[in-house]
N, C-alpha and C. Protein backbone atom coordinates (compact mmCIF):
# COMPACT_ATOMS: atom_id res chain seq x y z
N MET A 1 -1.58 -15.63 -7.60
CA MET A 1 -0.75 -14.56 -8.15
C MET A 1 0.17 -15.07 -9.25
N LYS A 2 0.49 -16.36 -9.22
CA LYS A 2 1.43 -16.89 -10.21
C LYS A 2 0.73 -17.40 -11.47
N LEU A 3 -0.60 -17.41 -11.46
CA LEU A 3 -1.32 -17.89 -12.64
C LEU A 3 -1.14 -16.93 -13.81
N PRO A 4 -0.98 -17.46 -15.03
CA PRO A 4 -0.91 -16.58 -16.20
C PRO A 4 -2.17 -15.73 -16.32
N ALA A 5 -2.02 -14.51 -16.78
CA ALA A 5 -3.14 -13.58 -16.88
C ALA A 5 -4.27 -14.13 -17.75
N SER A 6 -3.91 -14.93 -18.77
CA SER A 6 -4.94 -15.45 -19.68
C SER A 6 -5.89 -16.42 -18.98
N TYR A 7 -5.47 -16.98 -17.83
CA TYR A 7 -6.34 -17.86 -17.07
C TYR A 7 -7.35 -17.07 -16.23
N LYS A 8 -7.07 -15.78 -16.07
CA LYS A 8 -7.91 -14.98 -15.19
C LYS A 8 -8.86 -14.05 -15.94
N LEU A 9 -8.39 -13.56 -17.10
CA LEU A 9 -9.14 -12.50 -17.76
C LEU A 9 -9.06 -12.65 -19.28
N THR A 10 -10.20 -12.54 -19.94
CA THR A 10 -10.24 -12.50 -21.40
C THR A 10 -11.12 -11.32 -21.81
N ASP A 11 -11.20 -11.08 -23.10
CA ASP A 11 -12.08 -9.99 -23.57
C ASP A 11 -13.54 -10.28 -23.23
N ALA A 12 -13.88 -11.57 -23.11
CA ALA A 12 -15.28 -11.95 -22.91
C ALA A 12 -15.68 -12.05 -21.43
N GLU A 13 -14.73 -12.38 -20.55
CA GLU A 13 -15.10 -12.58 -19.14
C GLU A 13 -13.92 -12.34 -18.22
N ASP A 14 -14.28 -12.04 -16.96
CA ASP A 14 -13.27 -11.92 -15.93
C ASP A 14 -13.37 -13.14 -15.00
N LYS A 15 -12.47 -13.24 -14.03
CA LYS A 15 -12.48 -14.35 -13.07
C LYS A 15 -12.59 -15.70 -13.78
N ARG A 16 -11.90 -15.85 -14.89
CA ARG A 16 -12.11 -16.99 -15.78
C ARG A 16 -11.89 -18.33 -15.08
N ILE A 17 -10.77 -18.48 -14.38
CA ILE A 17 -10.46 -19.79 -13.81
C ILE A 17 -11.44 -20.15 -12.69
N LEU A 18 -11.89 -19.13 -11.92
CA LEU A 18 -12.87 -19.40 -10.87
C LEU A 18 -14.21 -19.82 -11.47
N ARG A 19 -14.56 -19.22 -12.59
CA ARG A 19 -15.81 -19.60 -13.25
C ARG A 19 -15.72 -21.03 -13.81
N GLU A 20 -14.55 -21.39 -14.35
CA GLU A 20 -14.37 -22.75 -14.87
C GLU A 20 -14.47 -23.77 -13.74
N ILE A 21 -13.87 -23.46 -12.61
CA ILE A 21 -13.94 -24.37 -11.45
C ILE A 21 -15.38 -24.51 -10.98
N ALA A 22 -16.10 -23.39 -10.93
CA ALA A 22 -17.51 -23.44 -10.50
C ALA A 22 -18.33 -24.33 -11.44
N LYS A 23 -18.07 -24.22 -12.75
CA LYS A 23 -18.79 -25.07 -13.70
C LYS A 23 -18.47 -26.55 -13.47
N ASP A 24 -17.20 -26.85 -13.21
CA ASP A 24 -16.79 -28.23 -12.94
C ASP A 24 -17.48 -28.78 -11.69
N LEU A 25 -17.79 -27.89 -10.75
CA LEU A 25 -18.46 -28.31 -9.51
C LEU A 25 -19.98 -28.37 -9.66
N GLY A 26 -20.47 -28.11 -10.89
CA GLY A 26 -21.91 -28.17 -11.14
C GLY A 26 -22.64 -26.89 -10.77
N LEU A 27 -21.91 -25.77 -10.67
CA LEU A 27 -22.50 -24.49 -10.28
C LEU A 27 -22.55 -23.54 -11.47
N ALA A 28 -23.08 -24.02 -12.58
CA ALA A 28 -23.08 -23.25 -13.83
C ALA A 28 -23.80 -21.92 -13.68
N GLU A 29 -24.92 -21.91 -12.96
CA GLU A 29 -25.69 -20.67 -12.81
C GLU A 29 -24.88 -19.63 -12.04
N VAL A 30 -24.25 -20.07 -10.98
CA VAL A 30 -23.42 -19.16 -10.18
C VAL A 30 -22.21 -18.70 -10.99
N ALA A 31 -21.64 -19.62 -11.76
CA ALA A 31 -20.42 -19.33 -12.50
C ALA A 31 -20.60 -18.21 -13.52
N SER A 32 -21.81 -18.04 -14.02
CA SER A 32 -22.02 -17.04 -15.07
C SER A 32 -22.49 -15.69 -14.54
N ARG A 33 -22.62 -15.58 -13.23
CA ARG A 33 -23.11 -14.32 -12.66
C ARG A 33 -22.09 -13.19 -12.84
N LYS A 34 -22.61 -11.98 -12.94
CA LYS A 34 -21.75 -10.81 -12.97
C LYS A 34 -21.07 -10.65 -11.60
N LYS A 35 -19.77 -10.33 -11.62
CA LYS A 35 -19.04 -10.15 -10.37
C LYS A 35 -19.56 -8.91 -9.64
N ARG A 36 -19.82 -9.07 -8.34
CA ARG A 36 -20.21 -7.94 -7.51
C ARG A 36 -19.38 -7.98 -6.24
N SER A 37 -18.98 -6.82 -5.77
CA SER A 37 -18.22 -6.77 -4.52
C SER A 37 -19.10 -7.23 -3.36
N ALA A 38 -18.46 -7.86 -2.38
CA ALA A 38 -19.20 -8.42 -1.24
C ALA A 38 -20.04 -7.36 -0.52
N GLN A 39 -19.51 -6.14 -0.42
CA GLN A 39 -20.23 -5.12 0.34
C GLN A 39 -21.54 -4.72 -0.34
N TYR A 40 -21.62 -4.93 -1.67
CA TYR A 40 -22.87 -4.62 -2.38
C TYR A 40 -23.79 -5.85 -2.42
N GLY A 41 -23.22 -6.99 -2.73
CA GLY A 41 -24.03 -8.20 -2.79
C GLY A 41 -24.68 -8.54 -1.45
N SER A 42 -24.02 -8.19 -0.35
CA SER A 42 -24.55 -8.51 0.99
C SER A 42 -25.43 -7.40 1.55
N ASN A 43 -25.55 -6.27 0.81
CA ASN A 43 -26.34 -5.12 1.24
C ASN A 43 -25.77 -4.40 2.47
N VAL A 44 -24.51 -4.65 2.78
CA VAL A 44 -23.88 -3.96 3.90
C VAL A 44 -23.87 -2.45 3.67
N ILE A 45 -23.62 -2.04 2.42
CA ILE A 45 -23.57 -0.61 2.10
C ILE A 45 -24.91 0.06 2.40
N LYS A 46 -26.01 -0.60 2.02
CA LYS A 46 -27.33 -0.04 2.30
C LYS A 46 -27.57 0.08 3.80
N ALA A 47 -27.13 -0.92 4.55
CA ALA A 47 -27.29 -0.88 6.00
C ALA A 47 -26.52 0.29 6.61
N ILE A 48 -25.29 0.51 6.12
CA ILE A 48 -24.48 1.62 6.64
C ILE A 48 -25.11 2.96 6.27
N GLU A 49 -25.68 3.05 5.07
CA GLU A 49 -26.35 4.29 4.66
C GLU A 49 -27.53 4.61 5.58
N LYS A 50 -28.29 3.59 5.95
CA LYS A 50 -29.42 3.79 6.88
C LYS A 50 -28.93 4.24 8.25
N LEU A 51 -27.87 3.60 8.73
CA LEU A 51 -27.31 3.97 10.03
C LEU A 51 -26.75 5.39 9.99
N THR A 52 -26.18 5.76 8.86
CA THR A 52 -25.62 7.11 8.71
C THR A 52 -26.72 8.16 8.83
N LYS A 53 -27.79 7.97 8.08
CA LYS A 53 -28.91 8.92 8.12
C LYS A 53 -29.59 8.92 9.48
N GLY A 54 -29.75 7.74 10.06
CA GLY A 54 -30.39 7.64 11.38
C GLY A 54 -29.59 8.30 12.48
N SER A 55 -28.29 8.42 12.27
CA SER A 55 -27.42 9.05 13.28
C SER A 55 -27.21 10.54 13.00
N GLY A 56 -27.87 11.04 11.94
CA GLY A 56 -27.80 12.46 11.65
C GLY A 56 -26.59 12.91 10.85
N TYR A 57 -25.88 11.96 10.23
CA TYR A 57 -24.71 12.31 9.42
C TYR A 57 -25.08 12.35 7.94
N ARG A 58 -24.38 13.20 7.20
CA ARG A 58 -24.65 13.31 5.77
C ARG A 58 -23.89 12.27 4.96
N TYR A 59 -22.63 12.01 5.38
CA TYR A 59 -21.78 11.08 4.63
C TYR A 59 -21.44 9.85 5.46
N LYS A 60 -21.31 8.71 4.76
CA LYS A 60 -20.96 7.45 5.45
C LYS A 60 -19.63 7.58 6.19
N ARG A 61 -18.67 8.26 5.55
CA ARG A 61 -17.34 8.37 6.17
C ARG A 61 -17.42 9.10 7.51
N GLU A 62 -18.33 10.09 7.62
CA GLU A 62 -18.48 10.82 8.87
C GLU A 62 -19.02 9.91 9.97
N TYR A 63 -19.98 9.08 9.61
CA TYR A 63 -20.54 8.13 10.58
C TYR A 63 -19.49 7.10 11.00
N LEU A 64 -18.77 6.54 10.02
CA LEU A 64 -17.78 5.50 10.32
C LEU A 64 -16.64 6.04 11.18
N ARG A 65 -16.31 7.31 11.00
CA ARG A 65 -15.22 7.89 11.78
C ARG A 65 -15.56 8.05 13.26
N THR A 66 -16.86 7.96 13.60
CA THR A 66 -17.22 8.04 15.02
C THR A 66 -16.69 6.83 15.79
N PHE A 67 -16.39 5.75 15.07
CA PHE A 67 -15.84 4.57 15.72
C PHE A 67 -14.32 4.69 15.91
N TYR A 68 -13.72 5.58 15.15
CA TYR A 68 -12.28 5.83 15.25
C TYR A 68 -12.06 7.35 15.27
N PRO A 69 -12.43 7.99 16.39
CA PRO A 69 -12.46 9.46 16.41
C PRO A 69 -11.11 10.14 16.32
N THR A 70 -10.04 9.46 16.69
CA THR A 70 -8.74 10.13 16.67
C THR A 70 -7.78 9.40 15.74
N ARG A 71 -6.88 10.18 15.18
CA ARG A 71 -5.81 9.62 14.35
C ARG A 71 -4.49 10.09 14.94
N ASN A 72 -4.25 9.67 16.18
CA ASN A 72 -3.08 10.19 16.89
C ASN A 72 -1.94 9.19 16.94
N ILE A 73 -2.01 8.15 16.10
CA ILE A 73 -0.91 7.19 16.04
C ILE A 73 0.22 7.79 15.20
N LYS A 74 1.41 7.87 15.77
CA LYS A 74 2.54 8.46 15.08
C LYS A 74 3.10 7.47 14.06
N LEU A 75 3.30 7.96 12.84
CA LEU A 75 3.73 7.08 11.76
C LEU A 75 5.07 7.52 11.16
N GLY A 76 5.82 6.55 10.69
CA GLY A 76 6.94 6.78 9.81
C GLY A 76 6.55 6.26 8.44
N CYS A 77 7.17 6.78 7.40
CA CYS A 77 6.84 6.34 6.04
C CYS A 77 8.06 5.73 5.38
N LEU A 78 7.95 4.48 4.93
CA LEU A 78 9.00 3.87 4.11
C LEU A 78 9.00 4.59 2.78
N PHE A 79 10.05 5.36 2.55
CA PHE A 79 10.04 6.32 1.45
C PHE A 79 11.23 6.10 0.53
N SER A 80 10.95 5.76 -0.73
CA SER A 80 12.00 5.47 -1.70
C SER A 80 12.25 6.64 -2.65
N SER A 81 11.39 7.64 -2.59
CA SER A 81 11.32 8.78 -3.51
C SER A 81 10.56 8.43 -4.78
N GLY A 82 10.07 7.18 -4.88
CA GLY A 82 9.26 6.78 -6.03
C GLY A 82 7.80 7.20 -5.87
N LYS A 83 7.03 7.02 -6.95
CA LYS A 83 5.64 7.49 -6.97
C LYS A 83 4.76 6.79 -5.93
N ASP A 84 4.96 5.49 -5.72
CA ASP A 84 4.07 4.75 -4.83
C ASP A 84 4.22 5.19 -3.37
N SER A 85 5.46 5.31 -2.91
CA SER A 85 5.65 5.72 -1.52
C SER A 85 5.22 7.17 -1.32
N ALA A 86 5.46 8.03 -2.33
CA ALA A 86 5.05 9.43 -2.23
C ALA A 86 3.53 9.55 -2.20
N TYR A 87 2.85 8.76 -3.01
CA TYR A 87 1.39 8.82 -3.05
C TYR A 87 0.78 8.25 -1.77
N ALA A 88 1.35 7.15 -1.26
CA ALA A 88 0.86 6.58 -0.01
C ALA A 88 1.02 7.57 1.14
N LEU A 89 2.17 8.26 1.19
CA LEU A 89 2.40 9.29 2.20
C LEU A 89 1.36 10.39 2.09
N TRP A 90 1.12 10.87 0.87
CA TRP A 90 0.15 11.94 0.64
C TRP A 90 -1.25 11.53 1.11
N LEU A 91 -1.65 10.30 0.81
CA LEU A 91 -2.98 9.82 1.21
C LEU A 91 -3.14 9.78 2.72
N MET A 92 -2.11 9.31 3.42
CA MET A 92 -2.20 9.20 4.88
C MET A 92 -2.20 10.59 5.53
N LEU A 93 -1.42 11.51 5.00
CA LEU A 93 -1.45 12.88 5.51
C LEU A 93 -2.81 13.52 5.25
N LYS A 94 -3.36 13.27 4.08
CA LYS A 94 -4.68 13.81 3.70
C LYS A 94 -5.75 13.30 4.66
N ASP A 95 -5.60 12.07 5.14
CA ASP A 95 -6.57 11.49 6.06
C ASP A 95 -6.32 11.91 7.51
N GLY A 96 -5.33 12.75 7.72
CA GLY A 96 -5.13 13.32 9.04
C GLY A 96 -4.20 12.58 9.97
N TYR A 97 -3.44 11.63 9.44
CA TYR A 97 -2.49 10.90 10.30
C TYR A 97 -1.21 11.71 10.46
N PRO A 98 -0.69 11.81 11.69
CA PRO A 98 0.59 12.51 11.89
C PRO A 98 1.77 11.65 11.44
N VAL A 99 2.56 12.17 10.55
CA VAL A 99 3.75 11.46 10.07
C VAL A 99 4.98 12.16 10.64
N GLU A 100 5.79 11.39 11.36
CA GLU A 100 6.92 11.97 12.10
C GLU A 100 8.22 11.95 11.32
N CYS A 101 8.37 10.99 10.40
CA CYS A 101 9.65 10.89 9.69
C CYS A 101 9.49 10.05 8.43
N LEU A 102 10.48 10.17 7.56
CA LEU A 102 10.62 9.30 6.40
C LEU A 102 11.72 8.29 6.70
N ILE A 103 11.58 7.08 6.17
CA ILE A 103 12.55 6.00 6.42
C ILE A 103 12.98 5.46 5.06
N THR A 104 14.27 5.51 4.78
CA THR A 104 14.77 5.09 3.47
C THR A 104 15.89 4.07 3.63
N LEU A 105 15.81 3.01 2.86
CA LEU A 105 16.90 2.03 2.74
C LEU A 105 17.55 2.24 1.38
N LYS A 106 18.82 2.64 1.42
CA LYS A 106 19.54 2.91 0.18
C LYS A 106 20.37 1.69 -0.17
N SER A 107 19.92 0.95 -1.17
CA SER A 107 20.55 -0.33 -1.52
C SER A 107 21.68 -0.15 -2.53
N LYS A 108 22.78 -0.85 -2.27
CA LYS A 108 23.88 -0.86 -3.23
C LYS A 108 23.61 -1.82 -4.38
N ASN A 109 22.57 -2.62 -4.23
CA ASN A 109 22.21 -3.60 -5.25
C ASN A 109 21.03 -3.06 -6.07
N PRO A 110 21.23 -2.67 -7.33
CA PRO A 110 20.12 -2.12 -8.12
C PRO A 110 19.01 -3.13 -8.39
N ALA A 111 19.29 -4.42 -8.16
CA ALA A 111 18.27 -5.46 -8.36
C ALA A 111 17.76 -5.98 -7.02
N SER A 112 17.76 -5.13 -6.00
CA SER A 112 17.29 -5.52 -4.67
C SER A 112 15.88 -6.12 -4.74
N PHE A 113 15.67 -7.20 -3.98
CA PHE A 113 14.35 -7.82 -3.92
C PHE A 113 13.36 -6.96 -3.14
N MET A 114 13.86 -6.16 -2.20
CA MET A 114 13.00 -5.44 -1.28
C MET A 114 12.84 -3.96 -1.58
N PHE A 115 13.92 -3.33 -2.06
CA PHE A 115 13.92 -1.87 -2.05
C PHE A 115 14.04 -1.26 -3.44
N HIS A 116 13.23 -0.24 -3.66
CA HIS A 116 13.23 0.54 -4.89
C HIS A 116 14.56 1.30 -4.99
N THR A 117 15.19 1.28 -6.15
CA THR A 117 16.49 1.96 -6.28
C THR A 117 16.52 3.13 -7.27
N PRO A 118 15.70 3.19 -8.33
CA PRO A 118 15.77 4.35 -9.23
C PRO A 118 15.44 5.65 -8.51
N GLY A 119 16.28 6.65 -8.65
CA GLY A 119 15.99 7.96 -8.08
C GLY A 119 16.18 8.08 -6.58
N VAL A 120 16.68 7.02 -5.93
CA VAL A 120 16.79 7.06 -4.47
C VAL A 120 17.82 8.10 -4.01
N ASP A 121 18.73 8.49 -4.89
CA ASP A 121 19.71 9.52 -4.53
C ASP A 121 19.05 10.88 -4.29
N LEU A 122 17.82 11.04 -4.71
CA LEU A 122 17.12 12.31 -4.53
C LEU A 122 16.34 12.36 -3.22
N VAL A 123 16.40 11.31 -2.43
CA VAL A 123 15.51 11.22 -1.27
C VAL A 123 15.80 12.31 -0.24
N GLU A 124 17.05 12.71 -0.08
CA GLU A 124 17.37 13.75 0.91
C GLU A 124 16.77 15.09 0.51
N GLN A 125 16.86 15.43 -0.78
CA GLN A 125 16.25 16.67 -1.24
C GLN A 125 14.74 16.64 -1.10
N LYS A 126 14.15 15.46 -1.35
CA LYS A 126 12.70 15.34 -1.24
C LYS A 126 12.25 15.45 0.22
N ALA A 127 13.02 14.86 1.13
CA ALA A 127 12.70 14.96 2.55
C ALA A 127 12.73 16.42 3.00
N GLU A 128 13.72 17.16 2.49
CA GLU A 128 13.83 18.59 2.82
C GLU A 128 12.63 19.35 2.26
N ALA A 129 12.22 19.01 1.03
CA ALA A 129 11.07 19.69 0.41
C ALA A 129 9.77 19.37 1.14
N ILE A 130 9.62 18.12 1.60
CA ILE A 130 8.42 17.71 2.33
C ILE A 130 8.44 18.24 3.76
N ASP A 131 9.65 18.58 4.23
CA ASP A 131 9.86 19.10 5.58
C ASP A 131 9.60 18.03 6.65
N LEU A 132 10.18 16.85 6.40
CA LEU A 132 10.14 15.77 7.38
C LEU A 132 11.55 15.25 7.60
N PRO A 133 11.89 14.88 8.84
CA PRO A 133 13.22 14.31 9.08
C PRO A 133 13.35 12.96 8.39
N LEU A 134 14.59 12.60 8.06
CA LEU A 134 14.86 11.38 7.30
C LEU A 134 15.75 10.44 8.10
N VAL A 135 15.32 9.19 8.22
CA VAL A 135 16.16 8.12 8.76
C VAL A 135 16.60 7.28 7.58
N MET A 136 17.90 7.29 7.27
CA MET A 136 18.38 6.57 6.09
C MET A 136 19.45 5.56 6.48
N LYS A 137 19.31 4.35 5.97
CA LYS A 137 20.28 3.29 6.21
C LYS A 137 20.81 2.77 4.87
N GLN A 138 22.10 2.50 4.84
CA GLN A 138 22.69 1.84 3.69
C GLN A 138 22.50 0.33 3.84
N THR A 139 22.29 -0.36 2.73
CA THR A 139 22.21 -1.81 2.76
C THR A 139 22.92 -2.37 1.53
N GLU A 140 23.55 -3.52 1.71
CA GLU A 140 24.22 -4.18 0.58
C GLU A 140 23.21 -4.72 -0.42
N GLY A 141 21.97 -4.89 0.02
CA GLY A 141 20.94 -5.39 -0.88
C GLY A 141 20.98 -6.89 -1.07
N GLU A 142 21.58 -7.58 -0.10
CA GLU A 142 21.66 -9.05 -0.17
C GLU A 142 20.33 -9.64 0.26
N LYS A 143 19.78 -10.52 -0.54
CA LYS A 143 18.45 -11.07 -0.29
C LYS A 143 18.34 -11.62 1.13
N GLU A 144 17.24 -11.25 1.80
CA GLU A 144 16.90 -11.62 3.17
C GLU A 144 17.77 -10.89 4.20
N LYS A 145 19.09 -10.81 4.00
CA LYS A 145 19.94 -10.10 4.95
C LYS A 145 19.62 -8.61 4.97
N GLU A 146 19.13 -8.09 3.84
CA GLU A 146 18.78 -6.67 3.80
C GLU A 146 17.64 -6.34 4.75
N LEU A 147 16.89 -7.35 5.17
CA LEU A 147 15.80 -7.14 6.12
C LEU A 147 16.32 -6.71 7.49
N GLU A 148 17.54 -7.13 7.83
CA GLU A 148 18.13 -6.71 9.09
C GLU A 148 18.35 -5.20 9.10
N ASP A 149 18.72 -4.64 7.95
CA ASP A 149 18.91 -3.20 7.85
C ASP A 149 17.58 -2.46 7.96
N LEU A 150 16.52 -3.05 7.40
CA LEU A 150 15.19 -2.46 7.53
C LEU A 150 14.78 -2.43 9.00
N GLN A 151 15.01 -3.54 9.70
CA GLN A 151 14.64 -3.60 11.11
C GLN A 151 15.41 -2.56 11.93
N ALA A 152 16.67 -2.39 11.62
CA ALA A 152 17.49 -1.39 12.32
C ALA A 152 16.94 0.02 12.08
N ALA A 153 16.50 0.30 10.85
CA ALA A 153 15.95 1.62 10.53
C ALA A 153 14.64 1.86 11.28
N LEU A 154 13.81 0.83 11.39
CA LEU A 154 12.55 0.97 12.13
C LEU A 154 12.82 1.20 13.61
N ARG A 155 13.79 0.50 14.15
CA ARG A 155 14.13 0.69 15.56
C ARG A 155 14.63 2.11 15.83
N GLU A 156 15.48 2.60 14.94
CA GLU A 156 16.00 3.96 15.10
C GLU A 156 14.86 4.98 15.04
N SER A 157 13.91 4.75 14.15
CA SER A 157 12.77 5.67 14.02
C SER A 157 11.90 5.64 15.26
N LYS A 158 11.76 4.48 15.87
CA LYS A 158 11.00 4.38 17.12
C LYS A 158 11.68 5.19 18.23
N VAL A 159 13.00 5.05 18.34
CA VAL A 159 13.74 5.73 19.40
C VAL A 159 13.75 7.24 19.18
N LYS A 160 14.04 7.68 17.95
CA LYS A 160 14.19 9.11 17.67
C LYS A 160 12.85 9.84 17.59
N TYR A 161 11.86 9.21 16.98
CA TYR A 161 10.63 9.93 16.66
C TYR A 161 9.37 9.31 17.27
N GLY A 162 9.52 8.24 18.01
CA GLY A 162 8.39 7.65 18.71
C GLY A 162 7.31 7.09 17.83
N ILE A 163 7.67 6.60 16.64
CA ILE A 163 6.64 6.10 15.73
C ILE A 163 5.99 4.82 16.29
N GLU A 164 4.71 4.67 15.97
CA GLU A 164 3.94 3.51 16.40
C GLU A 164 3.44 2.69 15.21
N GLY A 165 3.72 3.19 14.02
CA GLY A 165 3.28 2.50 12.81
C GLY A 165 4.10 2.96 11.63
N VAL A 166 3.93 2.26 10.52
CA VAL A 166 4.72 2.57 9.33
C VAL A 166 3.83 2.50 8.09
N ILE A 167 4.05 3.44 7.18
CA ILE A 167 3.32 3.50 5.91
C ILE A 167 4.16 2.85 4.83
N THR A 168 3.54 2.05 3.98
CA THR A 168 4.24 1.48 2.84
C THR A 168 3.49 1.84 1.55
N GLY A 169 4.22 1.89 0.45
CA GLY A 169 3.61 2.09 -0.86
C GLY A 169 3.38 0.78 -1.59
N ALA A 170 3.35 -0.32 -0.83
CA ALA A 170 3.18 -1.65 -1.44
C ALA A 170 1.92 -1.69 -2.30
N LEU A 171 2.07 -2.23 -3.50
CA LEU A 171 0.96 -2.25 -4.45
C LEU A 171 0.54 -3.68 -4.76
N TRP A 172 1.49 -4.50 -5.21
CA TRP A 172 1.16 -5.87 -5.58
C TRP A 172 2.19 -6.90 -5.11
N SER A 173 3.29 -6.46 -4.53
CA SER A 173 4.35 -7.40 -4.17
C SER A 173 4.09 -8.04 -2.81
N ASN A 174 3.62 -9.29 -2.83
CA ASN A 174 3.45 -10.03 -1.57
C ASN A 174 4.79 -10.22 -0.88
N TYR A 175 5.83 -10.42 -1.66
CA TYR A 175 7.17 -10.61 -1.10
C TYR A 175 7.53 -9.44 -0.19
N GLN A 176 7.35 -8.22 -0.67
CA GLN A 176 7.70 -7.04 0.12
C GLN A 176 6.74 -6.86 1.29
N LYS A 177 5.45 -6.93 1.02
CA LYS A 177 4.45 -6.63 2.05
C LYS A 177 4.55 -7.61 3.22
N GLU A 178 4.68 -8.90 2.93
CA GLU A 178 4.74 -9.89 4.00
C GLU A 178 5.96 -9.69 4.88
N ARG A 179 7.08 -9.34 4.28
CA ARG A 179 8.32 -9.14 5.07
C ARG A 179 8.26 -7.86 5.89
N ILE A 180 7.71 -6.81 5.33
CA ILE A 180 7.55 -5.58 6.09
C ILE A 180 6.63 -5.82 7.29
N GLU A 181 5.53 -6.52 7.06
CA GLU A 181 4.57 -6.77 8.14
C GLU A 181 5.18 -7.64 9.24
N ARG A 182 5.99 -8.62 8.84
CA ARG A 182 6.62 -9.49 9.84
C ARG A 182 7.60 -8.70 10.72
N ILE A 183 8.43 -7.89 10.08
CA ILE A 183 9.41 -7.12 10.84
C ILE A 183 8.73 -6.06 11.69
N ALA A 184 7.69 -5.42 11.13
CA ALA A 184 6.95 -4.42 11.90
C ALA A 184 6.30 -5.05 13.12
N ALA A 185 5.76 -6.27 12.97
CA ALA A 185 5.14 -6.96 14.10
C ALA A 185 6.17 -7.24 15.19
N GLU A 186 7.39 -7.61 14.79
CA GLU A 186 8.45 -7.85 15.77
C GLU A 186 8.80 -6.58 16.53
N GLU A 187 8.60 -5.43 15.90
CA GLU A 187 8.89 -4.14 16.53
C GLU A 187 7.63 -3.50 17.13
N ASN A 188 6.53 -4.26 17.13
CA ASN A 188 5.25 -3.77 17.66
C ASN A 188 4.77 -2.51 16.94
N LEU A 189 4.91 -2.50 15.62
CA LEU A 189 4.47 -1.39 14.79
C LEU A 189 3.31 -1.81 13.91
N LYS A 190 2.31 -0.96 13.78
CA LYS A 190 1.21 -1.21 12.85
C LYS A 190 1.67 -0.86 11.44
N VAL A 191 1.06 -1.50 10.44
CA VAL A 191 1.43 -1.26 9.04
C VAL A 191 0.22 -0.73 8.28
N PHE A 192 0.43 0.35 7.54
CA PHE A 192 -0.61 0.94 6.71
C PHE A 192 -0.15 0.90 5.25
N SER A 193 -0.91 0.19 4.42
CA SER A 193 -0.59 0.07 2.98
C SER A 193 -1.80 0.54 2.18
N PRO A 194 -2.00 1.87 2.06
CA PRO A 194 -3.23 2.38 1.46
C PRO A 194 -3.41 2.09 -0.02
N LEU A 195 -2.34 1.64 -0.69
CA LEU A 195 -2.44 1.37 -2.14
C LEU A 195 -2.61 -0.11 -2.45
N TRP A 196 -2.65 -0.96 -1.43
CA TRP A 196 -2.58 -2.39 -1.65
C TRP A 196 -3.68 -2.89 -2.58
N HIS A 197 -3.25 -3.52 -3.66
CA HIS A 197 -4.10 -4.14 -4.67
C HIS A 197 -4.99 -3.17 -5.43
N ILE A 198 -4.59 -1.89 -5.48
CA ILE A 198 -5.23 -0.98 -6.43
C ILE A 198 -4.76 -1.40 -7.83
N ASN A 199 -5.67 -1.36 -8.79
CA ASN A 199 -5.28 -1.63 -10.17
C ASN A 199 -4.14 -0.71 -10.56
N GLN A 200 -3.10 -1.27 -11.18
CA GLN A 200 -1.88 -0.50 -11.43
C GLN A 200 -2.09 0.68 -12.38
N GLU A 201 -2.91 0.48 -13.40
CA GLU A 201 -3.19 1.59 -14.31
C GLU A 201 -4.00 2.67 -13.60
N THR A 202 -4.97 2.24 -12.79
CA THR A 202 -5.78 3.20 -12.02
C THR A 202 -4.90 4.02 -11.10
N GLU A 203 -3.97 3.34 -10.41
CA GLU A 203 -3.09 4.05 -9.49
C GLU A 203 -2.24 5.07 -10.23
N MET A 204 -1.72 4.70 -11.39
CA MET A 204 -0.90 5.62 -12.18
C MET A 204 -1.71 6.85 -12.58
N ARG A 205 -2.97 6.62 -12.98
CA ARG A 205 -3.81 7.75 -13.38
C ARG A 205 -4.09 8.67 -12.18
N LEU A 206 -4.30 8.09 -11.00
CA LEU A 206 -4.51 8.90 -9.79
C LEU A 206 -3.27 9.72 -9.46
N VAL A 207 -2.11 9.08 -9.59
CA VAL A 207 -0.85 9.75 -9.26
C VAL A 207 -0.60 10.93 -10.20
N VAL A 208 -0.73 10.72 -11.51
CA VAL A 208 -0.43 11.80 -12.45
C VAL A 208 -1.47 12.92 -12.36
N ASN A 209 -2.61 12.62 -11.76
CA ASN A 209 -3.62 13.65 -11.54
C ASN A 209 -3.24 14.57 -10.38
N LYS A 210 -2.37 14.07 -9.49
CA LYS A 210 -2.01 14.84 -8.30
C LYS A 210 -0.58 15.39 -8.34
N PHE A 211 0.30 14.72 -9.07
CA PHE A 211 1.72 15.07 -9.05
C PHE A 211 2.27 15.24 -10.46
N ASP A 212 3.35 15.99 -10.56
CA ASP A 212 4.13 16.01 -11.80
C ASP A 212 5.13 14.87 -11.73
N ILE A 213 5.15 14.02 -12.75
CA ILE A 213 5.95 12.79 -12.72
C ILE A 213 7.11 12.89 -13.70
N ILE A 214 8.27 12.41 -13.24
CA ILE A 214 9.42 12.25 -14.13
C ILE A 214 9.80 10.77 -14.11
N PHE A 215 9.78 10.11 -15.26
CA PHE A 215 10.15 8.70 -15.32
C PHE A 215 11.67 8.58 -15.25
N THR A 216 12.16 7.82 -14.26
CA THR A 216 13.60 7.59 -14.13
C THR A 216 13.95 6.11 -14.31
N GLY A 217 12.94 5.24 -14.34
CA GLY A 217 13.19 3.82 -14.54
C GLY A 217 11.88 3.10 -14.80
N ILE A 218 11.90 2.09 -15.63
CA ILE A 218 10.71 1.29 -15.92
C ILE A 218 11.06 -0.17 -15.75
N SER A 219 10.28 -0.89 -14.94
CA SER A 219 10.52 -2.31 -14.70
C SER A 219 9.29 -3.11 -15.08
N ALA A 220 9.50 -4.26 -15.68
CA ALA A 220 8.37 -5.09 -16.09
C ALA A 220 8.83 -6.54 -16.18
N TYR A 221 7.85 -7.44 -16.24
CA TYR A 221 8.17 -8.84 -16.45
C TYR A 221 8.83 -9.03 -17.82
N GLY A 222 9.70 -10.01 -17.96
CA GLY A 222 10.33 -10.27 -19.25
C GLY A 222 9.34 -10.79 -20.26
């Protein structure tokens, strides 16, 4: 994740550094192959398609859902009022998961390492519009110590609303995702991150296709 983008992607090729390493290892033929996802290269998709038809289902998703017939795990959503958490919530509701509450950490530090701060003052109005109860905690936004406030919010949500899992809008931040997963594990909560590692431009296009967006802040590398 810390490698410069130019080591990974050029106009001529993708996976650049992995291809260079493969060449150094004497795997020139492998190094020049077109990238294919494992599920296609291994023919797993074809196998699932055969099993789907053989079981009398029209779509793969219908066949796969027979292994997980119920979605009765109660969820809370870490909700900042930003596009990522709103889109993650929408996706999980669309897939039929019951969401019991929204969980917001309101940081006094606009440069918080963990929590989104632009537009967070609107979260109460958004919770009312979505018609879900809101568990909100204030945090000083002090690095690492702010995690204690997150844990307190998760505990309160468990007691009040009986949640068994939590939704996150995590996209690319390992720092955030790893800490949320650690704290959730301590509270015996499952973590659902439906946006994890979606291409950022792709995700933005999906979001603007479903929602009306108002830009309130833009953050980027220097």
